[in-house]
Amino acid sequence: METITTVIVADDHPIFLEGFMLLLARVEGLNVVGHATNGDHTLHLIEKYEPDIVLMNVTMSGIDIENIVLSVEKQSLITQLIALTTVNDGAKAQQLLNIGLSGYVLKNTTFIDLLAVIKQVRTGKKFISPSLLASLKPITAEINKPHLTNREIEVLTCIVKGDSNKKIACDLGISQRTVCFHMSNCLRKLEVSNRTHAIVQAVNHGLIDIDSKIYDLKNGGAGLKKR
């Protein structure tokens, strides 16, 4: 069975919003669960439905996109945010990507290309429209770095300490099923098949910080090589 990606669309231009929703409704595997025309309603819908993807205009009334991104990060929601905009501003894109935005897409992008962006973002990778890349060469590596939510990083940090799923669930105030869900996301985003390699990749990407960063993979990651 194909996995369904839930989507919220937010834009303050009614004609664009209505036409965009009609296009998305025709795509198999996507389910538009809500739409909004301002920042406040967008954040309300995110907190209500916790969708997989939010496609939103950068310039809307109400809560601005920066604070929506920060709120999603603070609450450790699974939602990934993609900005759709006519604002060809590399500095703005860099700022938003640095605080947790998953994609910055110019509105001259084709619909087919946008669907490809959604798929890319769902794998944990970030995206920025190619025309902006020239001004962002210093942070290309940062853009391509896997993005883990605060909660996913917390789960990985607990695993580094050797905690069981039961203890992690107790310490973080979540269920063991949710722990497994976050761990599964970590494996997918880091493109690895087990917890040991997930920790190695997270350390290498600077996502978690531990005293001894080099794992002895020959021993299945059971020990750490001291510096």
N, C-alpha and C. Protein backbone atom coordinates (compact mmCIF):
# COMPACT_ATOMS: atom_id res chain seq x y z
N MET A 1 0.85 -1.20 0.00
CA MET A 1 0.00 0.00 0.00
C MET A 1 0.88 1.25 0.00
N GLU A 2 0.57 2.22 -0.86
CA GLU A 2 1.37 3.43 -0.97
C GLU A 2 1.17 4.32 0.26
N THR A 3 2.28 4.86 0.77
CA THR A 3 2.22 5.76 1.91
C THR A 3 1.57 7.07 1.48
N ILE A 4 0.63 7.56 2.29
CA ILE A 4 -0.05 8.82 2.00
C ILE A 4 0.69 9.96 2.67
N THR A 5 1.01 10.99 1.91
CA THR A 5 1.64 12.20 2.43
C THR A 5 0.57 13.25 2.67
N THR A 6 0.41 13.66 3.92
CA THR A 6 -0.59 14.69 4.23
C THR A 6 0.00 16.08 4.03
N VAL A 7 -0.82 16.97 3.49
CA VAL A 7 -0.33 18.29 3.07
C VAL A 7 -1.29 19.39 3.53
N ILE A 8 -0.68 20.51 3.94
CA ILE A 8 -1.44 21.75 4.16
C ILE A 8 -0.88 22.80 3.21
N VAL A 9 -1.77 23.57 2.58
CA VAL A 9 -1.37 24.62 1.65
C VAL A 9 -1.76 25.97 2.24
N ALA A 10 -0.83 26.92 2.18
CA ALA A 10 -1.10 28.25 2.74
C ALA A 10 -0.62 29.33 1.77
N ASP A 11 -1.56 30.17 1.34
CA ASP A 11 -1.22 31.27 0.45
C ASP A 11 -2.33 32.31 0.53
N ASP A 12 -1.94 33.57 0.43
CA ASP A 12 -2.94 34.63 0.59
C ASP A 12 -3.48 35.13 -0.75
N HIS A 13 -3.21 34.40 -1.83
CA HIS A 13 -3.78 34.74 -3.14
C HIS A 13 -4.81 33.66 -3.50
N PRO A 14 -6.11 33.98 -3.40
CA PRO A 14 -7.17 32.98 -3.56
C PRO A 14 -7.11 32.19 -4.87
N ILE A 15 -6.86 32.85 -6.00
CA ILE A 15 -6.84 32.15 -7.28
C ILE A 15 -5.71 31.13 -7.31
N PHE A 16 -4.51 31.55 -6.84
CA PHE A 16 -3.38 30.62 -6.79
C PHE A 16 -3.69 29.46 -5.85
N LEU A 17 -4.23 29.76 -4.68
CA LEU A 17 -4.52 28.73 -3.68
C LEU A 17 -5.51 27.70 -4.21
N GLU A 18 -6.60 28.18 -4.81
CA GLU A 18 -7.62 27.26 -5.30
C GLU A 18 -7.09 26.39 -6.44
N GLY A 19 -6.35 27.00 -7.37
CA GLY A 19 -5.80 26.23 -8.48
C GLY A 19 -4.76 25.23 -8.02
N PHE A 20 -3.93 25.64 -7.07
CA PHE A 20 -2.88 24.78 -6.54
C PHE A 20 -3.49 23.56 -5.85
N MET A 21 -4.54 23.78 -5.06
CA MET A 21 -5.19 22.68 -4.36
C MET A 21 -5.83 21.69 -5.34
N LEU A 22 -6.37 22.20 -6.44
CA LEU A 22 -6.96 21.31 -7.45
C LEU A 22 -5.88 20.42 -8.07
N LEU A 23 -4.70 20.99 -8.33
CA LEU A 23 -3.60 20.20 -8.88
C LEU A 23 -3.15 19.12 -7.90
N LEU A 24 -2.98 19.51 -6.64
CA LEU A 24 -2.52 18.56 -5.62
C LEU A 24 -3.53 17.44 -5.41
N ALA A 25 -4.81 17.76 -5.52
CA ALA A 25 -5.87 16.76 -5.30
C ALA A 25 -5.82 15.65 -6.34
N ARG A 26 -5.19 15.92 -7.49
CA ARG A 26 -5.11 14.94 -8.57
C ARG A 26 -3.90 14.02 -8.44
N VAL A 27 -3.05 14.29 -7.46
CA VAL A 27 -1.81 13.52 -7.31
C VAL A 27 -2.05 12.34 -6.36
N GLU A 28 -1.83 11.14 -6.87
CA GLU A 28 -1.98 9.95 -6.04
C GLU A 28 -0.91 9.93 -4.95
N GLY A 29 -1.33 9.64 -3.74
CA GLY A 29 -0.39 9.58 -2.63
C GLY A 29 -0.32 10.85 -1.82
N LEU A 30 -0.99 11.92 -2.29
CA LEU A 30 -1.05 13.18 -1.54
C LEU A 30 -2.47 13.40 -1.03
N ASN A 31 -2.59 13.88 0.20
CA ASN A 31 -3.89 14.17 0.78
C ASN A 31 -3.85 15.56 1.41
N VAL A 32 -4.52 16.53 0.78
CA VAL A 32 -4.57 17.89 1.31
C VAL A 32 -5.58 17.92 2.45
N VAL A 33 -5.09 18.13 3.67
CA VAL A 33 -5.95 18.07 4.85
C VAL A 33 -6.42 19.44 5.32
N GLY A 34 -5.88 20.51 4.70
CA GLY A 34 -6.30 21.83 5.10
C GLY A 34 -5.63 22.92 4.29
N HIS A 35 -6.19 24.12 4.36
CA HIS A 35 -5.58 25.26 3.68
C HIS A 35 -5.79 26.51 4.52
N ALA A 36 -4.92 27.48 4.31
CA ALA A 36 -4.97 28.71 5.10
C ALA A 36 -4.56 29.89 4.24
N THR A 37 -4.95 31.08 4.70
CA THR A 37 -4.62 32.29 3.95
C THR A 37 -3.80 33.28 4.78
N ASN A 38 -3.42 32.87 6.00
CA ASN A 38 -2.57 33.73 6.83
C ASN A 38 -1.72 32.87 7.77
N GLY A 39 -0.75 33.48 8.40
CA GLY A 39 0.17 32.74 9.25
C GLY A 39 -0.47 32.13 10.48
N ASP A 40 -1.39 32.85 11.11
CA ASP A 40 -2.02 32.35 12.34
C ASP A 40 -2.81 31.06 12.06
N HIS A 41 -3.60 31.08 11.01
CA HIS A 41 -4.40 29.91 10.67
C HIS A 41 -3.50 28.75 10.24
N THR A 42 -2.40 29.08 9.55
CA THR A 42 -1.46 28.04 9.13
C THR A 42 -0.90 27.30 10.34
N LEU A 43 -0.44 28.04 11.33
CA LEU A 43 0.12 27.41 12.53
C LEU A 43 -0.94 26.61 13.27
N HIS A 44 -2.16 27.13 13.33
CA HIS A 44 -3.26 26.40 13.98
C HIS A 44 -3.49 25.05 13.31
N LEU A 45 -3.49 25.04 11.98
CA LEU A 45 -3.72 23.79 11.25
C LEU A 45 -2.55 22.82 11.42
N ILE A 46 -1.34 23.35 11.48
CA ILE A 46 -0.16 22.49 11.69
C ILE A 46 -0.27 21.79 13.03
N GLU A 47 -0.61 22.54 14.06
CA GLU A 47 -0.72 21.96 15.41
C GLU A 47 -1.90 21.01 15.51
N LYS A 48 -2.96 21.25 14.74
CA LYS A 48 -4.15 20.39 14.78
C LYS A 48 -3.92 19.08 14.05
N TYR A 49 -3.34 19.14 12.86
CA TYR A 49 -3.22 17.95 12.00
C TYR A 49 -1.82 17.35 11.97
N GLU A 50 -0.80 18.12 12.33
CA GLU A 50 0.60 17.70 12.23
C GLU A 50 0.85 16.98 10.90
N PRO A 51 0.68 17.71 9.79
CA PRO A 51 0.83 17.10 8.46
C PRO A 51 2.29 16.78 8.15
N ASP A 52 2.49 15.98 7.13
CA ASP A 52 3.86 15.67 6.70
C ASP A 52 4.52 16.88 6.06
N ILE A 53 3.77 17.61 5.24
CA ILE A 53 4.31 18.72 4.46
C ILE A 53 3.40 19.94 4.57
N VAL A 54 4.01 21.12 4.67
CA VAL A 54 3.27 22.38 4.54
C VAL A 54 3.91 23.17 3.41
N LEU A 55 3.09 23.55 2.43
CA LEU A 55 3.53 24.38 1.32
C LEU A 55 2.96 25.77 1.57
N MET A 56 3.83 26.73 1.87
CA MET A 56 3.32 28.03 2.30
C MET A 56 4.05 29.21 1.67
N ASN A 57 3.28 30.26 1.45
CA ASN A 57 3.82 31.51 0.95
C ASN A 57 4.69 32.15 2.03
N VAL A 58 5.76 32.82 1.61
CA VAL A 58 6.68 33.45 2.57
C VAL A 58 6.06 34.71 3.16
N THR A 59 5.31 35.46 2.36
CA THR A 59 4.78 36.74 2.82
C THR A 59 3.26 36.69 2.98
N MET A 60 2.82 36.41 4.19
CA MET A 60 1.40 36.42 4.52
C MET A 60 1.20 37.23 5.79
N SER A 61 -0.02 37.66 6.01
CA SER A 61 -0.32 38.39 7.25
C SER A 61 -0.32 37.43 8.43
N GLY A 62 -0.28 38.00 9.63
CA GLY A 62 -0.28 37.17 10.83
C GLY A 62 1.12 36.72 11.20
N ILE A 63 1.22 35.59 11.88
CA ILE A 63 2.52 35.06 12.30
C ILE A 63 3.39 34.85 11.07
N ASP A 64 4.65 35.36 11.13
CA ASP A 64 5.50 35.23 9.95
C ASP A 64 6.11 33.83 9.86
N ILE A 65 6.68 33.54 8.70
CA ILE A 65 7.18 32.19 8.44
C ILE A 65 8.31 31.81 9.37
N GLU A 66 9.14 32.78 9.77
CA GLU A 66 10.23 32.47 10.69
C GLU A 66 9.71 31.89 11.99
N ASN A 67 8.68 32.53 12.54
CA ASN A 67 8.14 32.06 13.82
C ASN A 67 7.36 30.76 13.69
N ILE A 68 6.77 30.52 12.52
CA ILE A 68 6.12 29.24 12.29
C ILE A 68 7.16 28.13 12.27
N VAL A 69 8.26 28.36 11.56
CA VAL A 69 9.35 27.36 11.51
C VAL A 69 9.88 27.09 12.92
N LEU A 70 10.14 28.15 13.67
CA LEU A 70 10.67 28.00 15.03
C LEU A 70 9.69 27.27 15.94
N SER A 71 8.39 27.53 15.76
CA SER A 71 7.38 26.87 16.59
C SER A 71 7.34 25.37 16.28
N VAL A 72 7.41 25.01 15.01
CA VAL A 72 7.41 23.60 14.62
C VAL A 72 8.64 22.89 15.20
N GLU A 73 9.79 23.57 15.14
CA GLU A 73 11.01 23.00 15.69
C GLU A 73 10.91 22.83 17.21
N LYS A 74 10.40 23.85 17.89
CA LYS A 74 10.30 23.82 19.34
C LYS A 74 9.39 22.70 19.82
N GLN A 75 8.31 22.45 19.07
CA GLN A 75 7.35 21.41 19.46
C GLN A 75 7.75 20.02 18.96
N SER A 76 8.88 19.95 18.23
CA SER A 76 9.38 18.67 17.68
C SER A 76 8.32 17.96 16.85
N LEU A 77 7.60 18.73 16.03
CA LEU A 77 6.59 18.14 15.16
C LEU A 77 7.26 17.48 13.96
N ILE A 78 6.58 16.51 13.36
CA ILE A 78 7.15 15.80 12.21
C ILE A 78 7.02 16.62 10.93
N THR A 79 6.26 17.70 10.98
CA THR A 79 5.95 18.50 9.80
C THR A 79 7.20 19.13 9.19
N GLN A 80 7.29 19.04 7.86
CA GLN A 80 8.38 19.68 7.12
C GLN A 80 7.80 20.83 6.31
N LEU A 81 8.43 21.99 6.39
CA LEU A 81 7.90 23.20 5.78
C LEU A 81 8.64 23.55 4.50
N ILE A 82 7.88 23.83 3.46
CA ILE A 82 8.45 24.25 2.18
C ILE A 82 7.88 25.63 1.84
N ALA A 83 8.76 26.60 1.65
CA ALA A 83 8.33 27.94 1.29
C ALA A 83 8.15 28.04 -0.21
N LEU A 84 7.01 28.58 -0.63
CA LEU A 84 6.74 28.86 -2.04
C LEU A 84 6.67 30.37 -2.19
N THR A 85 7.50 30.94 -3.06
CA THR A 85 7.62 32.39 -3.07
C THR A 85 8.07 32.94 -4.41
N THR A 86 7.79 34.22 -4.61
CA THR A 86 8.34 34.95 -5.75
C THR A 86 9.57 35.75 -5.31
N VAL A 87 9.90 35.67 -4.02
CA VAL A 87 11.01 36.45 -3.47
C VAL A 87 12.34 35.75 -3.76
N ASN A 88 13.06 36.23 -4.74
CA ASN A 88 14.34 35.64 -5.15
C ASN A 88 15.44 36.23 -4.26
N ASP A 89 15.48 35.78 -3.02
CA ASP A 89 16.35 36.37 -2.00
C ASP A 89 17.18 35.28 -1.34
N GLY A 90 18.45 35.19 -1.74
CA GLY A 90 19.33 34.17 -1.20
C GLY A 90 19.53 34.28 0.30
N ALA A 91 19.66 35.50 0.80
CA ALA A 91 19.88 35.71 2.23
C ALA A 91 18.67 35.25 3.03
N LYS A 92 17.47 35.53 2.51
CA LYS A 92 16.24 35.10 3.18
C LYS A 92 16.16 33.58 3.20
N ALA A 93 16.48 32.98 2.07
CA ALA A 93 16.46 31.51 1.98
C ALA A 93 17.44 30.91 2.98
N GLN A 94 18.64 31.47 3.05
CA GLN A 94 19.66 30.95 3.96
C GLN A 94 19.20 31.04 5.41
N GLN A 95 18.61 32.17 5.76
CA GLN A 95 18.13 32.37 7.13
C GLN A 95 17.09 31.31 7.50
N LEU A 96 16.13 31.10 6.62
CA LEU A 96 15.05 30.15 6.91
C LEU A 96 15.55 28.70 6.93
N LEU A 97 16.43 28.35 6.02
CA LEU A 97 16.98 27.00 6.00
C LEU A 97 17.79 26.73 7.26
N ASN A 98 18.49 27.74 7.74
CA ASN A 98 19.32 27.56 8.93
C ASN A 98 18.51 27.31 10.19
N ILE A 99 17.28 27.82 10.24
CA ILE A 99 16.48 27.64 11.46
C ILE A 99 15.53 26.45 11.36
N GLY A 100 15.54 25.75 10.21
CA GLY A 100 14.73 24.53 10.15
C GLY A 100 13.81 24.36 8.96
N LEU A 101 13.72 25.37 8.08
CA LEU A 101 12.92 25.21 6.87
C LEU A 101 13.49 24.07 6.02
N SER A 102 12.62 23.31 5.38
CA SER A 102 13.08 22.17 4.58
C SER A 102 13.28 22.50 3.11
N GLY A 103 12.56 23.49 2.60
CA GLY A 103 12.71 23.83 1.19
C GLY A 103 12.34 25.27 0.91
N TYR A 104 13.06 25.87 -0.04
CA TYR A 104 12.78 27.25 -0.47
C TYR A 104 12.62 27.21 -1.98
N VAL A 105 11.37 27.30 -2.46
CA VAL A 105 11.05 27.06 -3.87
C VAL A 105 10.43 28.31 -4.50
N LEU A 106 11.00 28.75 -5.61
CA LEU A 106 10.44 29.89 -6.33
C LEU A 106 9.20 29.45 -7.10
N LYS A 107 8.25 30.37 -7.23
CA LYS A 107 6.97 30.02 -7.85
C LYS A 107 7.04 29.86 -9.36
N ASN A 108 8.20 30.11 -9.96
CA ASN A 108 8.33 29.82 -11.39
C ASN A 108 8.73 28.36 -11.62
N THR A 109 8.78 27.58 -10.53
CA THR A 109 9.05 26.14 -10.62
C THR A 109 7.84 25.42 -11.21
N THR A 110 8.06 24.42 -12.05
CA THR A 110 6.95 23.66 -12.61
C THR A 110 6.33 22.78 -11.53
N PHE A 111 5.07 22.40 -11.74
CA PHE A 111 4.38 21.55 -10.77
C PHE A 111 5.06 20.20 -10.64
N ILE A 112 5.50 19.63 -11.75
CA ILE A 112 6.19 18.33 -11.72
C ILE A 112 7.47 18.43 -10.89
N ASP A 113 8.20 19.52 -11.06
CA ASP A 113 9.43 19.70 -10.28
C ASP A 113 9.11 19.88 -8.79
N LEU A 114 8.01 20.55 -8.50
CA LEU A 114 7.61 20.72 -7.10
C LEU A 114 7.31 19.38 -6.45
N LEU A 115 6.65 18.48 -7.18
CA LEU A 115 6.38 17.15 -6.65
C LEU A 115 7.68 16.42 -6.34
N ALA A 116 8.70 16.63 -7.18
CA ALA A 116 10.00 16.02 -6.93
C ALA A 116 10.63 16.61 -5.66
N VAL A 117 10.42 17.91 -5.44
CA VAL A 117 10.93 18.56 -4.23
C VAL A 117 10.27 17.95 -2.99
N ILE A 118 8.98 17.74 -3.05
CA ILE A 118 8.25 17.14 -1.92
C ILE A 118 8.84 15.77 -1.59
N LYS A 119 9.09 14.96 -2.61
CA LYS A 119 9.69 13.64 -2.39
C LYS A 119 11.06 13.76 -1.76
N GLN A 120 11.86 14.72 -2.23
CA GLN A 120 13.21 14.90 -1.70
C GLN A 120 13.16 15.31 -0.23
N VAL A 121 12.30 16.25 0.07
CA VAL A 121 12.17 16.74 1.45
C VAL A 121 11.69 15.62 2.38
N ARG A 122 10.82 14.77 1.87
CA ARG A 122 10.30 13.65 2.68
C ARG A 122 11.40 12.66 3.07
N THR A 123 12.52 12.65 2.33
CA THR A 123 13.64 11.77 2.67
C THR A 123 14.57 12.42 3.70
N GLY A 124 14.24 13.65 4.11
CA GLY A 124 15.06 14.33 5.10
C GLY A 124 16.06 15.30 4.53
N LYS A 125 16.08 15.46 3.20
CA LYS A 125 17.02 16.38 2.56
C LYS A 125 16.37 17.74 2.35
N LYS A 126 17.21 18.77 2.30
CA LYS A 126 16.70 20.12 2.07
C LYS A 126 16.80 20.47 0.59
N PHE A 127 16.03 21.48 0.20
CA PHE A 127 16.02 21.89 -1.20
C PHE A 127 15.98 23.41 -1.28
N ILE A 128 16.68 23.93 -2.29
CA ILE A 128 16.59 25.35 -2.61
C ILE A 128 16.60 25.49 -4.12
N SER A 129 15.82 26.40 -4.65
CA SER A 129 15.75 26.58 -6.09
C SER A 129 17.13 26.84 -6.67
N PRO A 130 17.48 26.17 -7.76
CA PRO A 130 18.82 26.24 -8.35
C PRO A 130 19.31 27.66 -8.62
N SER A 131 18.41 28.57 -8.99
CA SER A 131 18.84 29.93 -9.32
C SER A 131 19.41 30.67 -8.11
N LEU A 132 19.15 30.16 -6.90
CA LEU A 132 19.67 30.79 -5.69
C LEU A 132 20.98 30.17 -5.20
N LEU A 133 21.35 29.03 -5.77
CA LEU A 133 22.51 28.30 -5.26
C LEU A 133 23.82 29.07 -5.39
N ALA A 134 23.96 29.86 -6.45
CA ALA A 134 25.22 30.58 -6.68
C ALA A 134 25.57 31.48 -5.51
N SER A 135 24.54 32.09 -4.90
CA SER A 135 24.79 32.99 -3.78
C SER A 135 24.91 32.25 -2.46
N LEU A 136 24.72 30.93 -2.49
CA LEU A 136 24.74 30.15 -1.26
C LEU A 136 25.84 29.10 -1.24
N LYS A 137 26.86 29.23 -2.07
CA LYS A 137 27.92 28.23 -2.13
C LYS A 137 28.55 27.94 -0.78
N PRO A 138 28.77 28.95 0.08
CA PRO A 138 29.38 28.66 1.39
C PRO A 138 28.55 27.73 2.27
N ILE A 139 27.23 27.64 2.03
CA ILE A 139 26.42 26.79 2.91
C ILE A 139 25.80 25.62 2.16
N THR A 140 26.34 25.28 0.99
CA THR A 140 25.79 24.15 0.23
C THR A 140 25.78 22.88 1.06
N ALA A 141 26.88 22.65 1.78
CA ALA A 141 26.98 21.45 2.61
C ALA A 141 25.92 21.46 3.70
N GLU A 142 25.64 22.64 4.25
CA GLU A 142 24.64 22.75 5.31
C GLU A 142 23.25 22.43 4.77
N ILE A 143 22.98 22.88 3.53
CA ILE A 143 21.67 22.64 2.93
C ILE A 143 21.47 21.15 2.69
N ASN A 144 22.53 20.46 2.26
CA ASN A 144 22.43 19.04 1.95
C ASN A 144 22.50 18.15 3.18
N LYS A 145 22.82 18.74 4.33
CA LYS A 145 22.92 17.95 5.55
C LYS A 145 21.55 17.44 5.97
N PRO A 146 21.46 16.17 6.38
CA PRO A 146 20.17 15.64 6.85
C PRO A 146 19.61 16.50 7.98
N HIS A 147 18.32 16.72 7.94
CA HIS A 147 17.69 17.52 9.00
C HIS A 147 16.91 16.63 9.94
N LEU A 148 17.36 16.60 11.19
CA LEU A 148 16.65 15.86 12.23
C LEU A 148 15.91 16.84 13.13
N THR A 149 14.72 16.46 13.57
CA THR A 149 13.98 17.30 14.50
C THR A 149 14.66 17.24 15.88
N ASN A 150 14.29 18.18 16.73
CA ASN A 150 14.85 18.19 18.09
C ASN A 150 14.57 16.88 18.81
N ARG A 151 13.36 16.35 18.62
CA ARG A 151 13.00 15.09 19.28
C ARG A 151 13.83 13.93 18.75
N GLU A 152 14.07 13.89 17.46
CA GLU A 152 14.89 12.82 16.88
C GLU A 152 16.31 12.88 17.41
N ILE A 153 16.83 14.08 17.59
CA ILE A 153 18.16 14.24 18.15
C ILE A 153 18.18 13.79 19.61
N GLU A 154 17.12 14.10 20.34
CA GLU A 154 17.03 13.65 21.73
C GLU A 154 17.04 12.13 21.82
N VAL A 155 16.30 11.48 20.92
CA VAL A 155 16.25 10.01 20.92
C VAL A 155 17.63 9.44 20.61
N LEU A 156 18.31 10.00 19.61
CA LEU A 156 19.65 9.52 19.26
C LEU A 156 20.62 9.71 20.42
N THR A 157 20.52 10.84 21.11
CA THR A 157 21.40 11.12 22.24
C THR A 157 21.18 10.11 23.36
N CYS A 158 19.94 9.73 23.59
CA CYS A 158 19.65 8.70 24.59
C CYS A 158 20.24 7.35 24.19
N ILE A 159 20.18 7.05 22.91
CA ILE A 159 20.72 5.79 22.41
C ILE A 159 22.24 5.76 22.59
N VAL A 160 22.89 6.90 22.40
CA VAL A 160 24.33 6.99 22.63
C VAL A 160 24.67 6.58 24.06
N LYS A 161 23.78 6.94 25.00
CA LYS A 161 24.02 6.61 26.41
C LYS A 161 23.71 5.15 26.72
N GLY A 162 23.16 4.44 25.73
CA GLY A 162 22.85 3.03 25.93
C GLY A 162 21.47 2.78 26.50
N ASP A 163 20.60 3.80 26.47
CA ASP A 163 19.26 3.64 27.04
C ASP A 163 18.39 2.72 26.18
N SER A 164 17.53 1.97 26.83
CA SER A 164 16.58 1.12 26.13
C SER A 164 15.41 1.97 25.64
N ASN A 165 14.61 1.42 24.72
CA ASN A 165 13.43 2.14 24.24
C ASN A 165 12.49 2.50 25.39
N LYS A 166 12.39 1.57 26.36
CA LYS A 166 11.51 1.80 27.50
C LYS A 166 11.97 2.99 28.33
N LYS A 167 13.29 3.07 28.57
CA LYS A 167 13.83 4.17 29.36
C LYS A 167 13.72 5.49 28.59
N ILE A 168 14.01 5.45 27.29
CA ILE A 168 13.90 6.65 26.47
C ILE A 168 12.47 7.18 26.52
N ALA A 169 11.51 6.28 26.37
CA ALA A 169 10.10 6.67 26.41
C ALA A 169 9.76 7.31 27.75
N CYS A 170 10.25 6.73 28.83
CA CYS A 170 9.97 7.25 30.17
C CYS A 170 10.61 8.62 30.36
N ASP A 171 11.88 8.76 29.97
CA ASP A 171 12.60 10.02 30.16
C ASP A 171 12.03 11.16 29.33
N LEU A 172 11.57 10.85 28.11
CA LEU A 172 11.07 11.89 27.21
C LEU A 172 9.56 12.09 27.31
N GLY A 173 8.90 11.22 28.07
CA GLY A 173 7.46 11.36 28.24
C GLY A 173 6.66 11.01 27.00
N ILE A 174 7.15 10.01 26.26
CA ILE A 174 6.47 9.56 25.06
C ILE A 174 6.31 8.04 25.11
N SER A 175 5.57 7.46 24.18
CA SER A 175 5.39 6.02 24.17
C SER A 175 6.57 5.33 23.48
N GLN A 176 6.74 4.03 23.75
CA GLN A 176 7.80 3.27 23.09
C GLN A 176 7.55 3.23 21.58
N ARG A 177 6.30 3.21 21.19
CA ARG A 177 5.97 3.22 19.76
C ARG A 177 6.46 4.51 19.11
N THR A 178 6.31 5.62 19.83
CA THR A 178 6.78 6.91 19.30
C THR A 178 8.31 6.93 19.22
N VAL A 179 8.97 6.32 20.20
CA VAL A 179 10.43 6.21 20.15
C VAL A 179 10.85 5.48 18.87
N CYS A 180 10.19 4.37 18.59
CA CYS A 180 10.49 3.58 17.38
C CYS A 180 10.21 4.39 16.12
N PHE A 181 9.15 5.20 16.16
CA PHE A 181 8.80 6.04 15.02
C PHE A 181 9.92 7.05 14.74
N HIS A 182 10.39 7.72 15.81
CA HIS A 182 11.46 8.71 15.63
C HIS A 182 12.76 8.04 15.17
N MET A 183 13.05 6.85 15.71
CA MET A 183 14.27 6.15 15.32
C MET A 183 14.20 5.74 13.85
N SER A 184 13.02 5.30 13.42
CA SER A 184 12.83 4.93 12.02
C SER A 184 13.08 6.12 11.11
N ASN A 185 12.60 7.30 11.53
CA ASN A 185 12.84 8.52 10.76
C ASN A 185 14.32 8.84 10.68
N CYS A 186 15.03 8.65 11.79
CA CYS A 186 16.47 8.91 11.83
C CYS A 186 17.20 8.01 10.82
N LEU A 187 16.85 6.73 10.81
CA LEU A 187 17.50 5.79 9.89
C LEU A 187 17.24 6.19 8.44
N ARG A 188 16.00 6.60 8.17
CA ARG A 188 15.66 6.99 6.80
C ARG A 188 16.39 8.25 6.38
N LYS A 189 16.39 9.26 7.24
CA LYS A 189 17.01 10.53 6.89
C LYS A 189 18.53 10.42 6.77
N LEU A 190 19.13 9.59 7.61
CA LEU A 190 20.58 9.42 7.60
C LEU A 190 21.03 8.36 6.60
N GLU A 191 20.05 7.69 5.99
CA GLU A 191 20.31 6.69 4.95
C GLU A 191 21.20 5.56 5.48
N VAL A 192 20.82 5.03 6.64
CA VAL A 192 21.54 3.90 7.24
C VAL A 192 20.52 2.83 7.64
N SER A 193 21.03 1.67 8.04
CA SER A 193 20.14 0.55 8.32
C SER A 193 20.10 0.13 9.79
N ASN A 194 20.97 0.72 10.63
CA ASN A 194 20.96 0.35 12.04
C ASN A 194 21.34 1.53 12.91
N ARG A 195 21.13 1.36 14.21
CA ARG A 195 21.33 2.46 15.15
C ARG A 195 22.79 2.91 15.25
N THR A 196 23.69 1.94 15.21
CA THR A 196 25.11 2.28 15.33
C THR A 196 25.54 3.21 14.21
N HIS A 197 25.19 2.86 12.99
CA HIS A 197 25.57 3.70 11.87
C HIS A 197 24.81 5.03 11.88
N ALA A 198 23.62 5.04 12.45
CA ALA A 198 22.88 6.30 12.58
C ALA A 198 23.64 7.27 13.48
N ILE A 199 24.18 6.75 14.58
CA ILE A 199 24.95 7.59 15.50
C ILE A 199 26.21 8.11 14.81
N VAL A 200 26.89 7.23 14.08
CA VAL A 200 28.11 7.64 13.37
C VAL A 200 27.80 8.76 12.39
N GLN A 201 26.73 8.59 11.60
CA GLN A 201 26.36 9.60 10.62
C GLN A 201 25.96 10.91 11.29
N ALA A 202 25.22 10.81 12.38
CA ALA A 202 24.78 12.01 13.10
C ALA A 202 25.98 12.79 13.64
N VAL A 203 26.96 12.05 14.16
CA VAL A 203 28.18 12.70 14.67
C VAL A 203 28.95 13.34 13.52
N ASN A 204 29.09 12.61 12.43
CA ASN A 204 29.85 13.13 11.28
C ASN A 204 29.23 14.38 10.69
N HIS A 205 27.91 14.46 10.75
CA HIS A 205 27.22 15.63 10.22
C HIS A 205 27.10 16.76 11.26
N GLY A 206 27.62 16.51 12.46
CA GLY A 206 27.55 17.53 13.50
C GLY A 206 26.18 17.69 14.12
N LEU A 207 25.34 16.66 13.99
CA LEU A 207 23.98 16.74 14.53
C LEU A 207 23.93 16.42 16.02
N ILE A 208 24.84 15.57 16.49
CA ILE A 208 24.99 15.30 17.91
C ILE A 208 26.46 15.42 18.26
N ASP A 209 26.74 15.69 19.49
CA ASP A 209 28.11 15.91 19.94
C ASP A 209 28.39 15.02 21.15
N ILE A 210 29.39 14.15 21.02
CA ILE A 210 29.81 13.31 22.13
C ILE A 210 31.32 13.40 22.24
N ASP A 211 31.84 13.03 23.40
CA ASP A 211 33.27 13.18 23.65
C ASP A 211 34.12 12.36 22.68
N SER A 212 33.75 11.10 22.48
CA SER A 212 34.51 10.23 21.59
C SER A 212 33.67 10.01 20.34
N LYS A 213 34.10 10.54 19.21
CA LYS A 213 33.27 10.57 18.02
C LYS A 213 33.56 9.46 17.01
N ILE A 214 34.54 8.62 17.29
CA ILE A 214 34.89 7.60 16.32
C ILE A 214 34.49 6.23 16.84
N TYR A 215 33.55 5.59 16.19
CA TYR A 215 33.04 4.31 16.63
C TYR A 215 33.83 3.16 16.00
N ASP A 216 33.99 2.10 16.78
CA ASP A 216 34.66 0.91 16.29
C ASP A 216 33.63 0.02 15.60
N LEU A 217 33.42 0.28 14.29
CA LEU A 217 32.40 -0.45 13.56
C LEU A 217 32.78 -1.91 13.35
N LYS A 218 34.06 -2.21 13.44
CA LYS A 218 34.48 -3.60 13.28
C LYS A 218 33.91 -4.48 14.37
N ASN A 219 33.65 -3.87 15.52
CA ASN A 219 33.07 -4.62 16.65
C ASN A 219 31.57 -4.37 16.76
N GLY A 220 30.98 -3.95 15.65
CA GLY A 220 29.53 -3.73 15.64
C GLY A 220 29.11 -2.50 16.41
N GLY A 221 30.09 -1.60 16.66
CA GLY A 221 29.75 -0.35 17.34
C GLY A 221 29.64 -0.54 18.83
N ALA A 222 30.08 -1.69 19.36
CA ALA A 222 29.90 -1.92 20.79
C ALA A 222 30.80 -1.04 21.63
N GLY A 223 31.92 -0.64 21.07
CA GLY A 223 32.85 0.18 21.84
C GLY A 223 33.23 1.44 21.12
N LEU A 224 33.90 2.32 21.82
CA LEU A 224 34.36 3.57 21.25
C LEU A 224 35.88 3.61 21.26
N LYS A 225 36.44 4.10 20.19
CA LYS A 225 37.88 4.30 20.16
C LYS A 225 38.20 5.64 20.80
N LYS A 226 39.00 5.64 21.81
CA LYS A 226 39.35 6.88 22.48
C LYS A 226 40.36 7.66 21.65
N ARG A 227 40.23 8.96 21.67
CA ARG A 227 41.18 9.81 20.95
C ARG A 227 42.53 9.81 21.63
